[in-house]
Structure formats: C-alpha cells, structure tokens
C-alpha cells in the first residue's frame, strides 16, 4: 500500500482487509508518526475546508498498523525511514 493508508480515513478496516489478502508479504509506505505529520494533516484539513477540496489526508499511528499486521499473522521484516516516509515490509509467520 504505497502511500494509500494516509489517504484513507478508516485505516483499521483498510489494513485488516488487505493484510488478510497478503499471502506471503505485506508492504506499506506511510508518513512517519510524528507531531509534524499531525500538524501537516491539521493544516491540510483547514485548507481543504477553506477551499472546498474533497481530498483529505490522515496521520495514522504506526503502532496501530503494526498491531493490525501482527494480529493478521504478519511480522515486521524490514523498516526504513526515507524523509517524511517510512517503508515497512511484513512477512507471514510460520
């Protein structure tokens, strides 16, 4: 899910459904979990309301994404931070 999670308001549903479909690996690219990301989201929501934009972005918790992936039988195999983005790859356990 390359930069999709931050564009979706119901992250738990998206991650739960997509992890269930992952046969061997599951990879996500999402913004780093920080106050700066939350501030950027707040600003984007204000601008969207002001200009009537339909698009909204969201700053979801990396811990929550990890917990949902682990609940689906996945474990973190790779992590890299790249600027404001983080890349996480999970693999099936067992």
PDB file of N, CA and C in Angstrom:
ATOM      1  N   UNK A   1       0.859  -1.168   0.000  1.00  0.00           N
ATOM      2  CA  UNK A   1       0.000   0.000   0.000  1.00  0.00           C
ATOM      3  C   UNK A   1       0.904   1.229   0.000  1.00  0.00           C
ATOM      4  N   UNK A   2       1.362   1.597  -1.151  1.00  0.00           N
ATOM      5  CA  UNK A   2       2.287   2.713  -1.292  1.00  0.00           C
ATOM      6  C   UNK A   2       1.541   4.033  -1.154  1.00  0.00           C
ATOM      7  N   UNK A   3       1.679   4.651  -0.005  1.00  0.00           N
ATOM      8  CA  UNK A   3       1.091   5.960   0.285  1.00  0.00           C
ATOM      9  C   UNK A   3      -0.428   5.974   0.141  1.00  0.00           C
ATOM     10  N   UNK A   4      -1.050   4.870   0.491  1.00  0.00           N
ATOM     11  CA  UNK A   4      -2.510   4.759   0.437  1.00  0.00           C
ATOM     12  C   UNK A   4      -3.113   4.941   1.822  1.00  0.00           C
ATOM     13  N   UNK A   5      -2.453   4.398   2.837  1.00  0.00           N
ATOM     14  CA  UNK A   5      -3.002   4.437   4.187  1.00  0.00           C
ATOM     15  C   UNK A   5      -3.275   5.870   4.632  1.00  0.00           C
ATOM     16  N   UNK A   6      -2.392   6.797   4.280  1.00  0.00           N
ATOM     17  CA  UNK A   6      -2.580   8.182   4.722  1.00  0.00           C
ATOM     18  C   UNK A   6      -3.710   8.883   3.969  1.00  0.00           C
ATOM     19  N   UNK A   7      -4.228   8.267   2.935  1.00  0.00           N
ATOM     20  CA  UNK A   7      -5.326   8.856   2.157  1.00  0.00           C
ATOM     21  C   UNK A   7      -6.676   8.231   2.501  1.00  0.00           C
ATOM     22  N   UNK A   8      -6.689   7.342   3.463  1.00  0.00           N
ATOM     23  CA  UNK A   8      -7.889   6.583   3.783  1.00  0.00           C
ATOM     24  C   UNK A   8      -8.279   6.841   5.228  1.00  0.00           C
ATOM     25  N   UNK A   9      -9.502   7.239   5.456  1.00  0.00           N
ATOM     26  CA  UNK A   9      -9.915   7.604   6.810  1.00  0.00           C
ATOM     27  C   UNK A   9     -10.081   6.408   7.742  1.00  0.00           C
ATOM     28  N   UNK A  10     -10.503   5.269   7.230  1.00  0.00           N
ATOM     29  CA  UNK A  10     -10.738   4.091   8.069  1.00  0.00           C
ATOM     30  C   UNK A  10      -9.552   3.125   7.962  1.00  0.00           C
ATOM     31  N   UNK A  11      -8.428   3.532   8.540  1.00  0.00           N
ATOM     32  CA  UNK A  11      -7.217   2.726   8.456  1.00  0.00           C
ATOM     33  C   UNK A  11      -7.406   1.315   9.002  1.00  0.00           C
ATOM     34  N   UNK A  12      -8.075   1.118  10.151  1.00  0.00           N
ATOM     35  CA  UNK A  12      -8.228  -0.256  10.655  1.00  0.00           C
ATOM     36  C   UNK A  12      -8.924  -1.188   9.660  1.00  0.00           C
ATOM     37  N   UNK A  13      -9.948  -0.716   9.001  1.00  0.00           N
ATOM     38  CA  UNK A  13     -10.644  -1.553   8.021  1.00  0.00           C
ATOM     39  C   UNK A  13      -9.751  -1.839   6.820  1.00  0.00           C
ATOM     40  N   UNK A  14      -9.050  -0.823   6.335  1.00  0.00           N
ATOM     41  CA  UNK A  14      -8.171  -0.998   5.175  1.00  0.00           C
ATOM     42  C   UNK A  14      -7.055  -1.994   5.475  1.00  0.00           C
ATOM     43  N   UNK A  15      -6.381  -1.816   6.601  1.00  0.00           N
ATOM     44  CA  UNK A  15      -5.260  -2.697   6.940  1.00  0.00           C
ATOM     45  C   UNK A  15      -5.752  -4.108   7.267  1.00  0.00           C
ATOM     46  N   UNK A  16      -6.843  -4.214   7.986  1.00  0.00           N
ATOM     47  CA  UNK A  16      -7.375  -5.547   8.309  1.00  0.00           C
ATOM     48  C   UNK A  16      -7.750  -6.327   7.059  1.00  0.00           C
ATOM     49  N   UNK A  17      -8.431  -5.679   6.153  1.00  0.00           N
ATOM     50  CA  UNK A  17      -8.847  -6.370   4.918  1.00  0.00           C
ATOM     51  C   UNK A  17      -7.662  -6.699   4.032  1.00  0.00           C
ATOM     52  N   UNK A  18      -6.731  -5.762   3.884  1.00  0.00           N
ATOM     53  CA  UNK A  18      -5.609  -6.002   2.977  1.00  0.00           C
ATOM     54  C   UNK A  18      -4.607  -6.994   3.553  1.00  0.00           C
ATOM     55  N   UNK A  19      -4.387  -7.001   4.879  1.00  0.00           N
ATOM     56  CA  UNK A  19      -3.475  -7.998   5.452  1.00  0.00           C
ATOM     57  C   UNK A  19      -4.056  -9.403   5.313  1.00  0.00           C
ATOM     58  N   UNK A  20      -5.358  -9.517   5.362  1.00  0.00           N
ATOM     59  CA  UNK A  20      -5.993 -10.824   5.199  1.00  0.00           C
ATOM     60  C   UNK A  20      -5.744 -11.391   3.803  1.00  0.00           C
ATOM     61  N   UNK A  21      -5.528 -10.524   2.838  1.00  0.00           N
ATOM     62  CA  UNK A  21      -5.300 -10.951   1.455  1.00  0.00           C
ATOM     63  C   UNK A  21      -3.829 -11.225   1.139  1.00  0.00           C
ATOM     64  N   UNK A  22      -2.935 -10.821   2.031  1.00  0.00           N
ATOM     65  CA  UNK A  22      -1.497 -10.981   1.789  1.00  0.00           C
ATOM     66  C   UNK A  22      -1.096 -12.439   1.982  1.00  0.00           C
ATOM     67  N   UNK A  23      -0.619 -13.071   0.922  1.00  0.00           N
ATOM     68  CA  UNK A  23      -0.236 -14.480   1.003  1.00  0.00           C
ATOM     69  C   UNK A  23       1.088 -14.667   1.742  1.00  0.00           C
ATOM     70  N   UNK A  24       2.110 -13.914   1.365  1.00  0.00           N
ATOM     71  CA  UNK A  24       3.428 -14.076   1.988  1.00  0.00           C
ATOM     72  C   UNK A  24       4.002 -12.779   2.535  1.00  0.00           C
ATOM     73  N   UNK A  25       3.733 -11.673   1.856  1.00  0.00           N
ATOM     74  CA  UNK A  25       4.337 -10.401   2.255  1.00  0.00           C
ATOM     75  C   UNK A  25       3.303  -9.287   2.179  1.00  0.00           C
ATOM     76  N   UNK A  26       3.576  -8.264   2.951  1.00  0.00           N
ATOM     77  CA  UNK A  26       2.694  -7.097   3.020  1.00  0.00           C
ATOM     78  C   UNK A  26       3.591  -5.887   3.222  1.00  0.00           C
ATOM     79  N   UNK A  27       3.494  -4.895   2.366  1.00  0.00           N
ATOM     80  CA  UNK A  27       4.357  -3.724   2.460  1.00  0.00           C
ATOM     81  C   UNK A  27       3.527  -2.447   2.458  1.00  0.00           C
ATOM     82  N   UNK A  28       3.963  -1.499   3.264  1.00  0.00           N
ATOM     83  CA  UNK A  28       3.281  -0.210   3.345  1.00  0.00           C
ATOM     84  C   UNK A  28       4.308   0.913   3.290  1.00  0.00           C
ATOM     85  N   UNK A  29       3.880   2.035   2.745  1.00  0.00           N
ATOM     86  CA  UNK A  29       4.643   3.276   2.795  1.00  0.00           C
ATOM     87  C   UNK A  29       3.685   4.306   3.359  1.00  0.00           C
ATOM     88  N   UNK A  30       4.051   4.863   4.503  1.00  0.00           N
ATOM     89  CA  UNK A  30       3.183   5.840   5.147  1.00  0.00           C
ATOM     90  C   UNK A  30       4.037   6.915   5.804  1.00  0.00           C
ATOM     91  N   UNK A  31       3.437   8.073   6.088  1.00  0.00           N
ATOM     92  CA  UNK A  31       4.213   9.138   6.729  1.00  0.00           C
ATOM     93  C   UNK A  31       4.713   8.697   8.102  1.00  0.00           C
ATOM     94  N   UNK A  32       5.843   9.264   8.518  1.00  0.00           N
ATOM     95  CA  UNK A  32       6.349   8.964   9.851  1.00  0.00           C
ATOM     96  C   UNK A  32       5.318   9.427  10.871  1.00  0.00           C
ATOM     97  N   UNK A  33       5.302   8.754  11.978  1.00  0.00           N
ATOM     98  CA  UNK A  33       4.353   9.042  13.046  1.00  0.00           C
ATOM     99  C   UNK A  33       4.975  10.120  13.934  1.00  0.00           C
ATOM    100  N   UNK A  34       4.623  11.382  13.686  1.00  0.00           N
ATOM    101  CA  UNK A  34       5.238  12.481  14.421  1.00  0.00           C
ATOM    102  C   UNK A  34       4.263  13.637  14.594  1.00  0.00           C
ATOM    103  N   UNK A  35       4.618  14.557  15.471  1.00  0.00           N
ATOM    104  CA  UNK A  35       3.792  15.745  15.674  1.00  0.00           C
ATOM    105  C   UNK A  35       3.764  16.581  14.405  1.00  0.00           C
ATOM    106  N   UNK A  36       4.867  16.599  13.647  1.00  0.00           N
ATOM    107  CA  UNK A  36       4.918  17.382  12.408  1.00  0.00           C
ATOM    108  C   UNK A  36       3.923  16.837  11.384  1.00  0.00           C
ATOM    109  N   UNK A  37       3.807  15.520  11.308  1.00  0.00           N
ATOM    110  CA  UNK A  37       2.838  14.918  10.382  1.00  0.00           C
ATOM    111  C   UNK A  37       1.418  15.265  10.800  1.00  0.00           C
ATOM    112  N   UNK A  38       1.146  15.192  12.097  1.00  0.00           N
ATOM    113  CA  UNK A  38      -0.189  15.549  12.589  1.00  0.00           C
ATOM    114  C   UNK A  38      -0.503  17.022  12.336  1.00  0.00           C
ATOM    115  N   UNK A  39       0.503  17.892  12.479  1.00  0.00           N
ATOM    116  CA  UNK A  39       0.330  19.311  12.193  1.00  0.00           C
ATOM    117  C   UNK A  39       0.049  19.540  10.707  1.00  0.00           C
ATOM    118  N   UNK A  40       0.763  18.819   9.844  1.00  0.00           N
ATOM    119  CA  UNK A  40       0.535  18.936   8.394  1.00  0.00           C
ATOM    120  C   UNK A  40      -0.880  18.494   8.030  1.00  0.00           C
ATOM    121  N   UNK A  41      -1.353  17.424   8.647  1.00  0.00           N
ATOM    122  CA  UNK A  41      -2.709  16.941   8.396  1.00  0.00           C
ATOM    123  C   UNK A  41      -3.730  17.982   8.858  1.00  0.00           C
ATOM    124  N   UNK A  42      -3.515  18.527  10.039  1.00  0.00           N
ATOM    125  CA  UNK A  42      -4.411  19.563  10.550  1.00  0.00           C
ATOM    126  C   UNK A  42      -4.476  20.744   9.582  1.00  0.00           C
ATOM    127  N   UNK A  43      -3.310  21.179   9.103  1.00  0.00           N
ATOM    128  CA  UNK A  43      -3.261  22.283   8.144  1.00  0.00           C
ATOM    129  C   UNK A  43      -3.955  21.948   6.834  1.00  0.00           C
ATOM    130  N   UNK A  44      -3.749  20.728   6.357  1.00  0.00           N
ATOM    131  CA  UNK A  44      -4.392  20.312   5.105  1.00  0.00           C
ATOM    132  C   UNK A  44      -5.894  20.288   5.264  1.00  0.00           C
ATOM    133  N   UNK A  45      -6.389  19.837   6.396  1.00  0.00           N
ATOM    134  CA  UNK A  45      -7.836  19.813   6.634  1.00  0.00           C
ATOM    135  C   UNK A  45      -8.406  21.227   6.681  1.00  0.00           C
ATOM    136  N   UNK A  46      -7.670  22.147   7.285  1.00  0.00           N
ATOM    137  CA  UNK A  46      -8.120  23.547   7.332  1.00  0.00           C
ATOM    138  C   UNK A  46      -8.182  24.136   5.926  1.00  0.00           C
ATOM    139  N   UNK A  47      -7.133  23.909   5.135  1.00  0.00           N
ATOM    140  CA  UNK A  47      -7.115  24.422   3.757  1.00  0.00           C
ATOM    141  C   UNK A  47      -8.220  23.777   2.920  1.00  0.00           C
ATOM    142  N   UNK A  48      -8.426  22.485   3.103  1.00  0.00           N
ATOM    143  CA  UNK A  48      -9.474  21.786   2.351  1.00  0.00           C
ATOM    144  C   UNK A  48     -10.840  22.386   2.655  1.00  0.00           C
ATOM    145  N   UNK A  49     -11.084  22.665   3.924  1.00  0.00           N
ATOM    146  CA  UNK A  49     -12.354  23.283   4.293  1.00  0.00           C
ATOM    147  C   UNK A  49     -12.499  24.678   3.715  1.00  0.00           C
ATOM    148  N   UNK A  50     -11.420  25.427   3.707  1.00  0.00           N
ATOM    149  CA  UNK A  50     -11.427  26.792   3.200  1.00  0.00           C
ATOM    150  C   UNK A  50     -11.658  26.852   1.693  1.00  0.00           C
ATOM    151  N   UNK A  51     -11.016  25.946   0.962  1.00  0.00           N
ATOM    152  CA  UNK A  51     -11.086  25.961  -0.493  1.00  0.00           C
ATOM    153  C   UNK A  51     -12.070  24.952  -1.078  1.00  0.00           C
ATOM    154  N   UNK A  52     -12.743  24.175  -0.233  1.00  0.00           N
ATOM    155  CA  UNK A  52     -13.731  23.219  -0.714  1.00  0.00           C
ATOM    156  C   UNK A  52     -13.142  21.978  -1.363  1.00  0.00           C
ATOM    157  N   UNK A  53     -11.910  21.637  -1.019  1.00  0.00           N
ATOM    158  CA  UNK A  53     -11.280  20.437  -1.575  1.00  0.00           C
ATOM    159  C   UNK A  53     -11.940  19.197  -0.992  1.00  0.00           C
ATOM    160  N   UNK A  54     -12.082  18.169  -1.793  1.00  0.00           N
ATOM    161  CA  UNK A  54     -12.639  16.903  -1.330  1.00  0.00           C
ATOM    162  C   UNK A  54     -11.580  16.016  -0.665  1.00  0.00           C
ATOM    163  N   UNK A  55     -10.338  16.123  -1.128  1.00  0.00           N
ATOM    164  CA  UNK A  55      -9.260  15.268  -0.637  1.00  0.00           C
ATOM    165  C   UNK A  55      -8.904  15.596   0.816  1.00  0.00           C
ATOM    166  N   UNK A  56      -8.720  14.571   1.606  1.00  0.00           N
ATOM    167  CA  UNK A  56      -8.239  14.698   2.982  1.00  0.00           C
ATOM    168  C   UNK A  56      -7.130  13.672   3.195  1.00  0.00           C
ATOM    169  N   UNK A  57      -6.112  14.047   3.954  1.00  0.00           N
ATOM    170  CA  UNK A  57      -5.076  13.078   4.320  1.00  0.00           C
ATOM    171  C   UNK A  57      -5.183  12.818   5.810  1.00  0.00           C
ATOM    172  N   UNK A  58      -4.563  11.724   6.248  1.00  0.00           N
ATOM    173  CA  UNK A  58      -4.689  11.288   7.633  1.00  0.00           C
ATOM    174  C   UNK A  58      -3.332  10.828   8.155  1.00  0.00           C
ATOM    175  N   UNK A  59      -3.073  11.100   9.420  1.00  0.00           N
ATOM    176  CA  UNK A  59      -1.841  10.663  10.087  1.00  0.00           C
ATOM    177  C   UNK A  59      -2.203   9.529  11.033  1.00  0.00           C
ATOM    178  N   UNK A  60      -2.028   8.315  10.566  1.00  0.00           N
ATOM    179  CA  UNK A  60      -2.373   7.144  11.373  1.00  0.00           C
ATOM    180  C   UNK A  60      -1.171   6.679  12.193  1.00  0.00           C
ATOM    181  N   UNK A  61      -1.445   6.038  13.280  1.00  0.00           N
ATOM    182  CA  UNK A  61      -0.413   5.546  14.183  1.00  0.00           C
ATOM    183  C   UNK A  61       0.294   4.318  13.599  1.00  0.00           C
ATOM    184  N   UNK A  62       1.624   4.395  13.563  1.00  0.00           N
ATOM    185  CA  UNK A  62       2.413   3.246  13.106  1.00  0.00           C
ATOM    186  C   UNK A  62       2.194   2.060  14.034  1.00  0.00           C
ATOM    187  N   UNK A  63       2.073   2.317  15.318  1.00  0.00           N
ATOM    188  CA  UNK A  63       1.833   1.224  16.280  1.00  0.00           C
ATOM    189  C   UNK A  63       0.527   0.497  15.976  1.00  0.00           C
ATOM    190  N   UNK A  64      -0.503   1.247  15.598  1.00  0.00           N
ATOM    191  CA  UNK A  64      -1.783   0.613  15.270  1.00  0.00           C
ATOM    192  C   UNK A  64      -1.668  -0.227  14.004  1.00  0.00           C
ATOM    193  N   UNK A  65      -0.941   0.270  13.001  1.00  0.00           N
ATOM    194  CA  UNK A  65      -0.723  -0.510  11.775  1.00  0.00           C
ATOM    195  C   UNK A  65       0.024  -1.793  12.122  1.00  0.00           C
ATOM    196  N   UNK A  66       1.093  -1.669  12.935  1.00  0.00           N
ATOM    197  CA  UNK A  66       1.855  -2.849  13.376  1.00  0.00           C
ATOM    198  C   UNK A  66       0.970  -3.851  14.107  1.00  0.00           C
ATOM    199  N   UNK A  67       0.143  -3.364  15.011  1.00  0.00           N
ATOM    200  CA  UNK A  67      -0.726  -4.259  15.794  1.00  0.00           C
ATOM    201  C   UNK A  67      -1.698  -5.004  14.889  1.00  0.00           C
ATOM    202  N   UNK A  68      -2.260  -4.325  13.915  1.00  0.00           N
ATOM    203  CA  UNK A  68      -3.194  -4.982  12.983  1.00  0.00           C
ATOM    204  C   UNK A  68      -2.476  -6.008  12.114  1.00  0.00           C
ATOM    205  N   UNK A  69      -1.261  -5.674  11.676  1.00  0.00           N
ATOM    206  CA  UNK A  69      -0.487  -6.623  10.870  1.00  0.00           C
ATOM    207  C   UNK A  69      -0.136  -7.861  11.699  1.00  0.00           C
ATOM    208  N   UNK A  70       0.281  -7.647  12.931  1.00  0.00           N
ATOM    209  CA  UNK A  70       0.619  -8.781  13.797  1.00  0.00           C
ATOM    210  C   UNK A  70      -0.607  -9.641  14.097  1.00  0.00           C
ATOM    211  N   UNK A  71      -1.745  -9.011  14.286  1.00  0.00           N
ATOM    212  CA  UNK A  71      -2.986  -9.762  14.538  1.00  0.00           C
ATOM    213  C   UNK A  71      -3.365 -10.621  13.342  1.00  0.00           C
ATOM    214  N   UNK A  72      -2.903 -10.222  12.162  1.00  0.00           N
ATOM    215  CA  UNK A  72      -3.189 -10.985  10.942  1.00  0.00           C
ATOM    216  C   UNK A  72      -2.122 -12.040  10.657  1.00  0.00           C
ATOM    217  N   UNK A  73      -1.191 -12.237  11.598  1.00  0.00           N
ATOM    218  CA  UNK A  73      -0.163 -13.266  11.426  1.00  0.00           C
ATOM    219  C   UNK A  73       1.054 -12.798  10.657  1.00  0.00           C
ATOM    220  N   UNK A  74       1.314 -11.500  10.668  1.00  0.00           N
ATOM    221  CA  UNK A  74       2.475 -10.946   9.971  1.00  0.00           C
ATOM    222  C   UNK A  74       3.471 -10.407  10.988  1.00  0.00           C
ATOM    223  N   UNK A  75       4.751 -10.453  10.622  1.00  0.00           N
ATOM    224  CA  UNK A  75       5.777  -9.862  11.480  1.00  0.00           C
ATOM    225  C   UNK A  75       6.633  -8.915  10.653  1.00  0.00           C
ATOM    226  N   UNK A  76       7.119  -7.883  11.322  1.00  0.00           N
ATOM    227  CA  UNK A  76       7.930  -6.882  10.626  1.00  0.00           C
ATOM    228  C   UNK A  76       9.260  -7.494  10.220  1.00  0.00           C
ATOM    229  N   UNK A  77       9.591  -7.361   8.939  1.00  0.00           N
ATOM    230  CA  UNK A  77      10.852  -7.909   8.412  1.00  0.00           C
ATOM    231  C   UNK A  77      11.810  -6.829   7.934  1.00  0.00           C
ATOM    232  N   UNK A  78      11.275  -5.646   7.629  1.00  0.00           N
ATOM    233  CA  UNK A  78      12.117  -4.570   7.088  1.00  0.00           C
ATOM    234  C   UNK A  78      11.507  -3.231   7.475  1.00  0.00           C
ATOM    235  N   UNK A  79      12.378  -2.282   7.802  1.00  0.00           N
ATOM    236  CA  UNK A  79      11.932  -0.920   8.105  1.00  0.00           C
ATOM    237  C   UNK A  79      12.978   0.060   7.596  1.00  0.00           C
ATOM    238  N   UNK A  80      12.531   1.101   6.929  1.00  0.00           N
ATOM    239  CA  UNK A  80      13.441   2.165   6.526  1.00  0.00           C
ATOM    240  C   UNK A  80      12.680   3.481   6.531  1.00  0.00           C
ATOM    241  N   UNK A  81      13.310   4.485   7.079  1.00  0.00           N
ATOM    242  CA  UNK A  81      12.754   5.835   7.050  1.00  0.00           C
ATOM    243  C   UNK A  81      13.405   6.589   5.901  1.00  0.00           C
ATOM    244  N   UNK A  82      12.565   7.226   5.090  1.00  0.00           N
ATOM    245  CA  UNK A  82      13.049   7.962   3.925  1.00  0.00           C
ATOM    246  C   UNK A  82      12.391   9.333   3.927  1.00  0.00           C
ATOM    247  N   UNK A  83      13.055  10.302   4.555  1.00  0.00           N
ATOM    248  CA  UNK A  83      12.476  11.634   4.662  1.00  0.00           C
ATOM    249  C   UNK A  83      11.251  11.596   5.559  1.00  0.00           C
ATOM    250  N   UNK A  84      10.128  12.052   5.036  1.00  0.00           N
ATOM    251  CA  UNK A  84       8.891  12.043   5.826  1.00  0.00           C
ATOM    252  C   UNK A  84       8.166  10.703   5.745  1.00  0.00           C
ATOM    253  N   UNK A  85       8.689   9.779   4.927  1.00  0.00           N
ATOM    254  CA  UNK A  85       8.031   8.496   4.710  1.00  0.00           C
ATOM    255  C   UNK A  85       8.743   7.389   5.469  1.00  0.00           C
ATOM    256  N   UNK A  86       7.981   6.358   5.814  1.00  0.00           N
ATOM    257  CA  UNK A  86       8.558   5.137   6.365  1.00  0.00           C
ATOM    258  C   UNK A  86       8.070   3.963   5.529  1.00  0.00           C
ATOM    259  N   UNK A  87       8.987   3.058   5.264  1.00  0.00           N
ATOM    260  CA  UNK A  87       8.691   1.860   4.478  1.00  0.00           C
ATOM    261  C   UNK A  87       8.758   0.680   5.431  1.00  0.00           C
ATOM    262  N   UNK A  88       7.679  -0.100   5.481  1.00  0.00           N
ATOM    263  CA  UNK A  88       7.632  -1.260   6.363  1.00  0.00           C
ATOM    264  C   UNK A  88       7.190  -2.469   5.545  1.00  0.00           C
ATOM    265  N   UNK A  89       7.967  -3.553   5.664  1.00  0.00           N
ATOM    266  CA  UNK A  89       7.612  -4.799   4.985  1.00  0.00           C
ATOM    267  C   UNK A  89       7.404  -5.866   6.055  1.00  0.00           C
ATOM    268  N   UNK A  90       6.284  -6.547   5.940  1.00  0.00           N
ATOM    269  CA  UNK A  90       5.924  -7.627   6.853  1.00  0.00           C
ATOM    270  C   UNK A  90       5.950  -8.950   6.085  1.00  0.00           C
ATOM    271  N   UNK A  91       6.193 -10.032   6.801  1.00  0.00           N
ATOM    272  CA  UNK A  91       6.127 -11.359   6.217  1.00  0.00           C
ATOM    273  C   UNK A  91       5.259 -12.257   7.075  1.00  0.00           C
ATOM    274  N   UNK A  92       4.724 -13.291   6.452  1.00  0.00           N
ATOM    275  CA  UNK A  92       3.895 -14.259   7.186  1.00  0.00           C
ATOM    276  C   UNK A  92       4.754 -15.010   8.189  1.00  0.00           C
ATOM    277  N   UNK A  93       4.227 -15.209   9.362  1.00  0.00           N
ATOM    278  CA  UNK A  93       4.926 -16.008  10.381  1.00  0.00           C
ATOM    279  C   UNK A  93       4.648 -17.480  10.108  1.00  0.00           C
ATOM    280  N   UNK A  94       5.557 -18.316  10.588  1.00  0.00           N
ATOM    281  CA  UNK A  94       5.346 -19.764  10.436  1.00  0.00           C
ATOM    282  C   UNK A  94       5.701 -20.194   9.112  1.00  0.00           C
TER     283      UNK A  94
END
